[in-house]
PDB file of all heavy atoms in Angstrom:
ATOM      1  N   GLY A   1      90.966  95.049  78.168  1.00  0.00           N
ATOM      2  CA  GLY A   1      89.650  95.536  78.484  1.00  0.00           C
ATOM      3  C   GLY A   1      89.130  95.407  79.918  1.00  0.00           C
ATOM      4  O   GLY A   1      87.962  95.623  80.145  1.00  0.00           O
ATOM      5  N   PHE A   2      89.981  95.028  80.853  1.00  0.00           N
ATOM      6  CA  PHE A   2      89.631  94.964  82.222  1.00  0.00           C
ATOM      7  C   PHE A   2      89.578  96.277  82.828  1.00  0.00           C
ATOM      8  O   PHE A   2      90.416  97.077  82.630  1.00  0.00           O
ATOM      9  CB  PHE A   2      90.547  93.997  82.965  1.00  0.00           C
ATOM     10  CG  PHE A   2      90.432  92.597  82.717  1.00  0.00           C
ATOM     11  CD1 PHE A   2      91.144  91.958  81.698  1.00  0.00           C
ATOM     12  CD2 PHE A   2      89.501  91.799  83.387  1.00  0.00           C
ATOM     13  CE1 PHE A   2      90.985  90.613  81.435  1.00  0.00           C
ATOM     14  CE2 PHE A   2      89.335  90.455  83.189  1.00  0.00           C
ATOM     15  CZ  PHE A   2      90.071  89.887  82.257  1.00  0.00           C
ATOM     16  N   ASN A   3      88.575  96.450  83.760  1.00  0.00           N
ATOM     17  CA  ASN A   3      88.513  97.694  84.549  1.00  0.00           C
ATOM     18  C   ASN A   3      89.354  97.380  85.841  1.00  0.00           C
ATOM     19  O   ASN A   3      88.990  96.568  86.619  1.00  0.00           O
ATOM     20  CB  ASN A   3      87.107  98.028  84.891  1.00  0.00           C
ATOM     21  CG  ASN A   3      86.981  99.222  85.758  1.00  0.00           C
ATOM     22  OD1 ASN A   3      87.865  99.634  86.566  1.00  0.00           O
ATOM     23  ND2 ASN A   3      85.819  99.878  85.626  1.00  0.00           N
ATOM     24  N   LEU A   4      90.459  98.036  85.967  1.00  0.00           N
ATOM     25  CA  LEU A   4      91.380  97.775  87.096  1.00  0.00           C
ATOM     26  C   LEU A   4      90.826  98.084  88.498  1.00  0.00           C
ATOM     27  O   LEU A   4      91.248  97.491  89.409  1.00  0.00           O
ATOM     28  CB  LEU A   4      92.688  98.584  86.855  1.00  0.00           C
ATOM     29  CG  LEU A   4      93.466  98.190  85.582  1.00  0.00           C
ATOM     30  CD1 LEU A   4      94.770  99.128  85.536  1.00  0.00           C
ATOM     31  CD2 LEU A   4      93.827  96.752  85.596  1.00  0.00           C
ATOM     32  N   THR A   5      89.839  98.960  88.558  1.00  0.00           N
ATOM     33  CA  THR A   5      89.304  99.264  89.919  1.00  0.00           C
ATOM     34  C   THR A   5      88.125  98.340  90.329  1.00  0.00           C
ATOM     35  O   THR A   5      87.995  98.063  91.524  1.00  0.00           O
ATOM     36  CB  THR A   5      88.822 100.753  89.950  1.00  0.00           C
ATOM     37  OG1 THR A   5      87.864 100.902  88.881  1.00  0.00           O
ATOM     38  CG2 THR A   5      89.974 101.716  89.797  1.00  0.00           C
ATOM     39  N   SER A   6      87.298  97.824  89.347  1.00  0.00           N
ATOM     40  CA  SER A   6      86.290  97.004  89.725  1.00  0.00           C
ATOM     41  C   SER A   6      86.345  95.522  89.329  1.00  0.00           C
ATOM     42  O   SER A   6      85.576  94.690  89.955  1.00  0.00           O
ATOM     43  CB  SER A   6      84.949  97.597  89.080  1.00  0.00           C
ATOM     44  OG  SER A   6      85.056  97.408  87.619  1.00  0.00           O
ATOM     45  N   GLU A   7      87.251  95.203  88.487  1.00  0.00           N
ATOM     46  CA  GLU A   7      87.346  93.783  88.050  1.00  0.00           C
ATOM     47  C   GLU A   7      88.588  93.013  88.436  1.00  0.00           C
ATOM     48  O   GLU A   7      88.794  91.855  88.169  1.00  0.00           O
ATOM     49  CB  GLU A   7      87.169  93.682  86.580  1.00  0.00           C
ATOM     50  CG  GLU A   7      85.879  94.190  85.971  1.00  0.00           C
ATOM     51  CD  GLU A   7      85.769  94.058  84.537  1.00  0.00           C
ATOM     52  OE1 GLU A   7      86.851  94.200  83.778  1.00  0.00           O
ATOM     53  OE2 GLU A   7      84.655  93.842  83.987  1.00  0.00           O
ATOM     54  N   VAL A   8      89.534  93.741  89.087  1.00  0.00           N
ATOM     55  CA  VAL A   8      90.795  93.146  89.372  1.00  0.00           C
ATOM     56  C   VAL A   8      91.106  93.244  90.899  1.00  0.00           C
ATOM     57  O   VAL A   8      90.832  94.344  91.493  1.00  0.00           O
ATOM     58  CB  VAL A   8      91.950  93.819  88.635  1.00  0.00           C
ATOM     59  CG1 VAL A   8      93.313  93.271  89.016  1.00  0.00           C
ATOM     60  CG2 VAL A   8      91.668  93.706  87.138  1.00  0.00           C
ATOM     61  N   GLU A   9      91.450  92.176  91.478  1.00  0.00           N
ATOM     62  CA  GLU A   9      91.789  92.199  92.965  1.00  0.00           C
ATOM     63  C   GLU A   9      93.285  91.820  93.035  1.00  0.00           C
ATOM     64  O   GLU A   9      93.670  90.681  92.767  1.00  0.00           O
ATOM     65  CB  GLU A   9      90.934  91.252  93.711  1.00  0.00           C
ATOM     66  CG  GLU A   9      90.895  91.488  95.116  1.00  0.00           C
ATOM     67  CD  GLU A   9      90.369  92.800  95.589  1.00  0.00           C
ATOM     68  OE1 GLU A   9      89.353  93.238  95.053  1.00  0.00           O
ATOM     69  OE2 GLU A   9      90.882  93.433  96.568  1.00  0.00           O
ATOM     70  N   ARG A  10      94.079  92.709  93.417  1.00  0.00           N
ATOM     71  CA  ARG A  10      95.578  92.468  93.519  1.00  0.00           C
ATOM     72  C   ARG A  10      95.909  91.993  94.967  1.00  0.00           C
ATOM     73  O   ARG A  10      95.478  92.695  95.874  1.00  0.00           O
ATOM     74  CB  ARG A  10      96.208  93.759  93.146  1.00  0.00           C
ATOM     75  CG  ARG A  10      97.808  93.413  93.249  1.00  0.00           C
ATOM     76  CD  ARG A  10      98.562  94.601  92.650  1.00  0.00           C
ATOM     77  NE  ARG A  10      98.251  94.682  91.219  1.00  0.00           N
ATOM     78  CZ  ARG A  10      98.701  95.510  90.461  1.00  0.00           C
ATOM     79  NH1 ARG A  10      99.642  96.389  90.842  1.00  0.00           N
ATOM     80  NH2 ARG A  10      98.340  95.496  89.110  1.00  0.00           N
ATOM     81  N   VAL A  11      96.773  91.052  95.008  1.00  0.00           N
ATOM     82  CA  VAL A  11      97.194  90.463  96.349  1.00  0.00           C
ATOM     83  C   VAL A  11      98.734  90.463  96.202  1.00  0.00           C
ATOM     84  O   VAL A  11      99.349  89.844  95.233  1.00  0.00           O
ATOM     85  CB  VAL A  11      96.588  89.119  96.560  1.00  0.00           C
ATOM     86  CG1 VAL A  11      97.150  88.562  97.807  1.00  0.00           C
ATOM     87  CG2 VAL A  11      95.147  89.187  96.570  1.00  0.00           C
ATOM     88  N   VAL A  12      99.343  90.916  97.254  1.00  0.00           N
ATOM     89  CA  VAL A  12     100.804  90.883  97.374  1.00  0.00           C
ATOM     90  C   VAL A  12     101.165  89.917  98.591  1.00  0.00           C
ATOM     91  O   VAL A  12     100.816  90.266  99.714  1.00  0.00           O
ATOM     92  CB  VAL A  12     101.473  92.205  97.578  1.00  0.00           C
ATOM     93  CG1 VAL A  12     102.947  92.093  97.837  1.00  0.00           C
ATOM     94  CG2 VAL A  12     101.155  93.114  96.424  1.00  0.00           C
ATOM     95  N   PHE A  13     101.661  88.727  98.343  1.00  0.00           N
ATOM     96  CA  PHE A  13     102.045  87.857  99.368  1.00  0.00           C
ATOM     97  C   PHE A  13     103.428  88.125  99.806  1.00  0.00           C
ATOM     98  O   PHE A  13     104.444  88.333  99.126  1.00  0.00           O
ATOM     99  CB  PHE A  13     101.927  86.389  98.892  1.00  0.00           C
ATOM    100  CG  PHE A  13     100.536  85.855  98.537  1.00  0.00           C
ATOM    101  CD1 PHE A  13     100.067  85.924  97.266  1.00  0.00           C
ATOM    102  CD2 PHE A  13      99.687  85.507  99.579  1.00  0.00           C
ATOM    103  CE1 PHE A  13      98.767  85.512  97.007  1.00  0.00           C
ATOM    104  CE2 PHE A  13      98.391  85.121  99.358  1.00  0.00           C
ATOM    105  CZ  PHE A  13      97.999  85.139  97.968  1.00  0.00           C
ATOM    106  N   HIS A  14     103.608  87.992 101.139  1.00  0.00           N
ATOM    107  CA  HIS A  14     104.956  88.092 101.748  1.00  0.00           C
ATOM    108  C   HIS A  14     105.031  87.183 102.908  1.00  0.00           C
ATOM    109  O   HIS A  14     103.982  86.511 103.291  1.00  0.00           O
ATOM    110  CB  HIS A  14     105.259  89.541 102.106  1.00  0.00           C
ATOM    111  CG  HIS A  14     104.256  90.140 102.980  1.00  0.00           C
ATOM    112  ND1 HIS A  14     104.218  89.961 104.379  1.00  0.00           N
ATOM    113  CD2 HIS A  14     103.175  91.048 102.664  1.00  0.00           C
ATOM    114  CE1 HIS A  14     103.078  90.682 104.817  1.00  0.00           C
ATOM    115  NE2 HIS A  14     102.508  91.288 103.774  1.00  0.00           N
ATOM    116  N   LYS A  15     106.101  87.023 103.542  1.00  0.00           N
ATOM    117  CA  LYS A  15     106.319  86.011 104.603  1.00  0.00           C
ATOM    118  C   LYS A  15     105.453  86.221 105.791  1.00  0.00           C
ATOM    119  O   LYS A  15     105.045  85.296 106.543  1.00  0.00           O
ATOM    120  CB  LYS A  15     107.737  85.900 104.980  1.00  0.00           C
ATOM    121  CG  LYS A  15     108.246  87.196 105.751  1.00  0.00           C
ATOM    122  CD  LYS A  15     109.770  86.994 106.053  1.00  0.00           C
ATOM    123  CE  LYS A  15     110.219  88.296 106.767  1.00  0.00           C
ATOM    124  NZ  LYS A  15     111.487  88.081 107.303  1.00  0.00           N
ATOM    125  N   ASP A  16     104.918  87.349 106.044  1.00  0.00           N
ATOM    126  CA  ASP A  16     104.054  87.642 107.253  1.00  0.00           C
ATOM    127  C   ASP A  16     102.652  87.690 106.818  1.00  0.00           C
ATOM    128  O   ASP A  16     101.760  87.881 107.696  1.00  0.00           O
ATOM    129  CB  ASP A  16     104.382  88.975 107.865  1.00  0.00           C
ATOM    130  CG  ASP A  16     105.839  89.009 108.558  1.00  0.00           C
ATOM    131  OD1 ASP A  16     106.168  87.898 108.924  1.00  0.00           O
ATOM    132  OD2 ASP A  16     106.430  90.048 108.559  1.00  0.00           O
ATOM    133  N   TYR A  17     102.296  87.342 105.588  1.00  0.00           N
ATOM    134  CA  TYR A  17     100.919  87.354 105.156  1.00  0.00           C
ATOM    135  C   TYR A  17     100.243  86.047 105.729  1.00  0.00           C
ATOM    136  O   TYR A  17     100.736  84.964 105.629  1.00  0.00           O
ATOM    137  CB  TYR A  17     100.880  87.347 103.637  1.00  0.00           C
ATOM    138  CG  TYR A  17      99.524  87.850 103.033  1.00  0.00           C
ATOM    139  CD1 TYR A  17      99.279  89.156 102.959  1.00  0.00           C
ATOM    140  CD2 TYR A  17      98.564  86.899 102.520  1.00  0.00           C
ATOM    141  CE1 TYR A  17      98.072  89.600 102.427  1.00  0.00           C
ATOM    142  CE2 TYR A  17      97.519  87.365 101.924  1.00  0.00           C
ATOM    143  CZ  TYR A  17      97.207  88.670 101.918  1.00  0.00           C
ATOM    144  OH  TYR A  17      96.049  89.153 101.334  1.00  0.00           O
ATOM    145  N   THR A  18      98.974  86.277 106.285  1.00  0.00           N
ATOM    146  CA  THR A  18      98.415  85.164 106.939  1.00  0.00           C
ATOM    147  C   THR A  18      97.067  84.797 106.248  1.00  0.00           C
ATOM    148  O   THR A  18      96.597  85.502 105.409  1.00  0.00           O
ATOM    149  CB  THR A  18      98.050  85.518 108.449  1.00  0.00           C
ATOM    150  OG1 THR A  18      97.117  86.564 108.496  1.00  0.00           O
ATOM    151  CG2 THR A  18      99.308  85.876 109.227  1.00  0.00           C
ATOM    152  N   TYR A  19      96.501  83.647 106.742  1.00  0.00           N
ATOM    153  CA  TYR A  19      95.229  83.257 106.189  1.00  0.00           C
ATOM    154  C   TYR A  19      94.111  84.257 106.452  1.00  0.00           C
ATOM    155  O   TYR A  19      93.340  84.587 105.637  1.00  0.00           O
ATOM    156  CB  TYR A  19      94.819  81.917 106.926  1.00  0.00           C
ATOM    157  CG  TYR A  19      93.504  81.297 106.590  1.00  0.00           C
ATOM    158  CD1 TYR A  19      93.331  80.550 105.396  1.00  0.00           C
ATOM    159  CD2 TYR A  19      92.394  81.568 107.355  1.00  0.00           C
ATOM    160  CE1 TYR A  19      92.043  80.058 105.064  1.00  0.00           C
ATOM    161  CE2 TYR A  19      91.183  81.083 107.047  1.00  0.00           C
ATOM    162  CZ  TYR A  19      91.007  80.256 105.934  1.00  0.00           C
ATOM    163  OH  TYR A  19      89.746  79.752 105.541  1.00  0.00           O
ATOM    164  N   SER A  20      94.106  84.913 107.699  1.00  0.00           N
ATOM    165  CA  SER A  20      93.108  85.909 107.956  1.00  0.00           C
ATOM    166  C   SER A  20      93.324  87.135 107.197  1.00  0.00           C
ATOM    167  O   SER A  20      92.362  87.878 106.863  1.00  0.00           O
ATOM    168  CB  SER A  20      93.150  86.190 109.440  1.00  0.00           C
ATOM    169  OG  SER A  20      94.319  86.691 109.868  1.00  0.00           O
ATOM    170  N   ASP A  21      94.517  87.455 106.717  1.00  0.00           N
ATOM    171  CA  ASP A  21      94.728  88.553 105.805  1.00  0.00           C
ATOM    172  C   ASP A  21      94.167  88.324 104.494  1.00  0.00           C
ATOM    173  O   ASP A  21      93.603  89.187 103.814  1.00  0.00           O
ATOM    174  CB  ASP A  21      96.278  88.869 105.604  1.00  0.00           C
ATOM    175  CG  ASP A  21      96.969  89.372 106.862  1.00  0.00           C
ATOM    176  OD1 ASP A  21      96.387  90.105 107.636  1.00  0.00           O
ATOM    177  OD2 ASP A  21      98.176  89.039 106.990  1.00  0.00           O
ATOM    178  N   PHE A  22      94.200  87.040 103.999  1.00  0.00           N
ATOM    179  CA  PHE A  22      93.693  86.725 102.688  1.00  0.00           C
ATOM    180  C   PHE A  22      92.164  86.563 102.716  1.00  0.00           C
ATOM    181  O   PHE A  22      91.524  87.009 101.852  1.00  0.00           O
ATOM    182  CB  PHE A  22      94.363  85.378 102.257  1.00  0.00           C
ATOM    183  CG  PHE A  22      94.004  85.056 100.872  1.00  0.00           C
ATOM    184  CD1 PHE A  22      94.352  85.812  99.751  1.00  0.00           C
ATOM    185  CD2 PHE A  22      93.442  83.796 100.555  1.00  0.00           C
ATOM    186  CE1 PHE A  22      93.990  85.477  98.432  1.00  0.00           C
ATOM    187  CE2 PHE A  22      93.165  83.383  99.288  1.00  0.00           C
ATOM    188  CZ  PHE A  22      93.443  84.243  98.261  1.00  0.00           C
ATOM    189  N   ILE A  23      91.533  85.883 103.776  1.00  0.00           N
ATOM    190  CA  ILE A  23      90.161  85.574 103.775  1.00  0.00           C
ATOM    191  C   ILE A  23      89.399  86.740 104.434  1.00  0.00           C
ATOM    192  O   ILE A  23      88.423  87.142 103.963  1.00  0.00           O
ATOM    193  CB  ILE A  23      89.915  84.316 104.605  1.00  0.00           C
ATOM    194  CG1 ILE A  23      90.630  83.108 103.925  1.00  0.00           C
ATOM    195  CG2 ILE A  23      88.469  84.088 104.700  1.00  0.00           C
ATOM    196  CD1 ILE A  23      90.177  82.790 102.514  1.00  0.00           C
ATOM    197  N   GLY A  24      89.865  87.273 105.591  1.00  0.00           N
ATOM    198  CA  GLY A  24      89.298  88.238 106.291  1.00  0.00           C
ATOM    199  C   GLY A  24      89.258  87.919 107.783  1.00  0.00           C
ATOM    200  O   GLY A  24      89.553  86.746 108.098  1.00  0.00           O
ATOM    201  N   CYS A  25      88.912  88.812 108.634  1.00  0.00           N
ATOM    202  CA  CYS A  25      88.940  88.486 110.033  1.00  0.00           C
ATOM    203  C   CYS A  25      88.057  89.434 110.825  1.00  0.00           C
ATOM    204  O   CYS A  25      87.649  90.551 110.241  1.00  0.00           O
ATOM    205  CB  CYS A  25      90.346  88.532 110.572  1.00  0.00           C
ATOM    206  SG  CYS A  25      91.189  90.198 110.407  1.00  0.00           S
ATOM    207  N   LEU A  26      87.810  89.210 112.107  1.00  0.00           N
ATOM    208  CA  LEU A  26      86.974  90.002 112.895  1.00  0.00           C
ATOM    209  C   LEU A  26      87.898  91.106 113.410  1.00  0.00           C
ATOM    210  O   LEU A  26      89.046  90.753 113.961  1.00  0.00           O
ATOM    211  CB  LEU A  26      86.409  89.301 114.046  1.00  0.00           C
ATOM    212  CG  LEU A  26      85.240  88.284 113.748  1.00  0.00           C
ATOM    213  CD1 LEU A  26      84.807  87.485 114.890  1.00  0.00           C
ATOM    214  CD2 LEU A  26      84.112  89.041 113.140  1.00  0.00           C
ATOM    215  N   MET A  27      87.445  92.351 113.396  1.00  0.00           N
ATOM    216  CA  MET A  27      88.278  93.496 113.858  1.00  0.00           C
ATOM    217  C   MET A  27      87.397  94.252 114.889  1.00  0.00           C
ATOM    218  O   MET A  27      86.239  94.433 114.682  1.00  0.00           O
ATOM    219  CB  MET A  27      88.705  94.374 112.784  1.00  0.00           C
ATOM    220  CG  MET A  27      89.557  93.720 111.728  1.00  0.00           C
ATOM    221  SD  MET A  27      91.176  93.332 112.301  1.00  0.00           S
ATOM    222  CE  MET A  27      91.983  94.932 112.614  1.00  0.00           C
ATOM    223  N   PRO A  28      88.045  94.711 116.030  1.00  0.00           N
ATOM    224  CA  PRO A  28      87.366  95.483 117.013  1.00  0.00           C
ATOM    225  C   PRO A  28      86.930  96.914 116.470  1.00  0.00           C
ATOM    226  O   PRO A  28      87.764  97.441 115.757  1.00  0.00           O
ATOM    227  CB  PRO A  28      88.304  95.588 118.185  1.00  0.00           C
ATOM    228  CG  PRO A  28      89.613  95.338 117.545  1.00  0.00           C
ATOM    229  CD  PRO A  28      89.424  94.509 116.343  1.00  0.00           C
ATOM    230  N   ASN A  29      85.763  97.352 116.791  1.00  0.00           N
ATOM    231  CA  ASN A  29      85.264  98.748 116.472  1.00  0.00           C
ATOM    232  C   ASN A  29      84.866  99.306 117.703  1.00  0.00           C
ATOM    233  O   ASN A  29      84.068  98.856 118.470  1.00  0.00           O
ATOM    234  CB  ASN A  29      84.058  98.573 115.513  1.00  0.00           C
ATOM    235  CG  ASN A  29      84.449  98.794 114.050  1.00  0.00           C
ATOM    236  OD1 ASN A  29      85.588  99.270 113.841  1.00  0.00           O
ATOM    237  ND2 ASN A  29      83.534  98.369 113.221  1.00  0.00           N
ATOM    238  N   ASN A  30      85.307 100.530 117.946  1.00  0.00           N
ATOM    239  CA  ASN A  30      85.006 101.337 119.133  1.00  0.00           C
ATOM    240  C   ASN A  30      83.891 102.332 118.606  1.00  0.00           C
ATOM    241  O   ASN A  30      84.172 103.335 117.930  1.00  0.00           O
ATOM    242  CB  ASN A  30      86.155 102.063 119.695  1.00  0.00           C
ATOM    243  CG  ASN A  30      85.846 102.619 121.101  1.00  0.00           C
ATOM    244  OD1 ASN A  30      84.691 102.434 121.602  1.00  0.00           O
ATOM    245  ND2 ASN A  30      86.866 103.342 121.648  1.00  0.00           N
ATOM    246  N   SER A  31      82.648 102.048 118.990  1.00  0.00           N
ATOM    247  CA  SER A  31      81.484 102.888 118.544  1.00  0.00           C
ATOM    248  C   SER A  31      80.826 103.547 119.706  1.00  0.00           C
ATOM    249  O   SER A  31      81.302 103.304 120.920  1.00  0.00           O
ATOM    250  CB  SER A  31      80.511 102.078 117.702  1.00  0.00           C
ATOM    251  OG  SER A  31      79.884 101.104 118.532  1.00  0.00           O
TER     252      SER A  31
END
């Protein structure tokens, strides 16, 4: 009965996956 789009967060870990990929990070925006 789970809604796959709103209730599930899928994560694929691989050897290059970092802490900032998992938590989040500051990204530059050109506005």
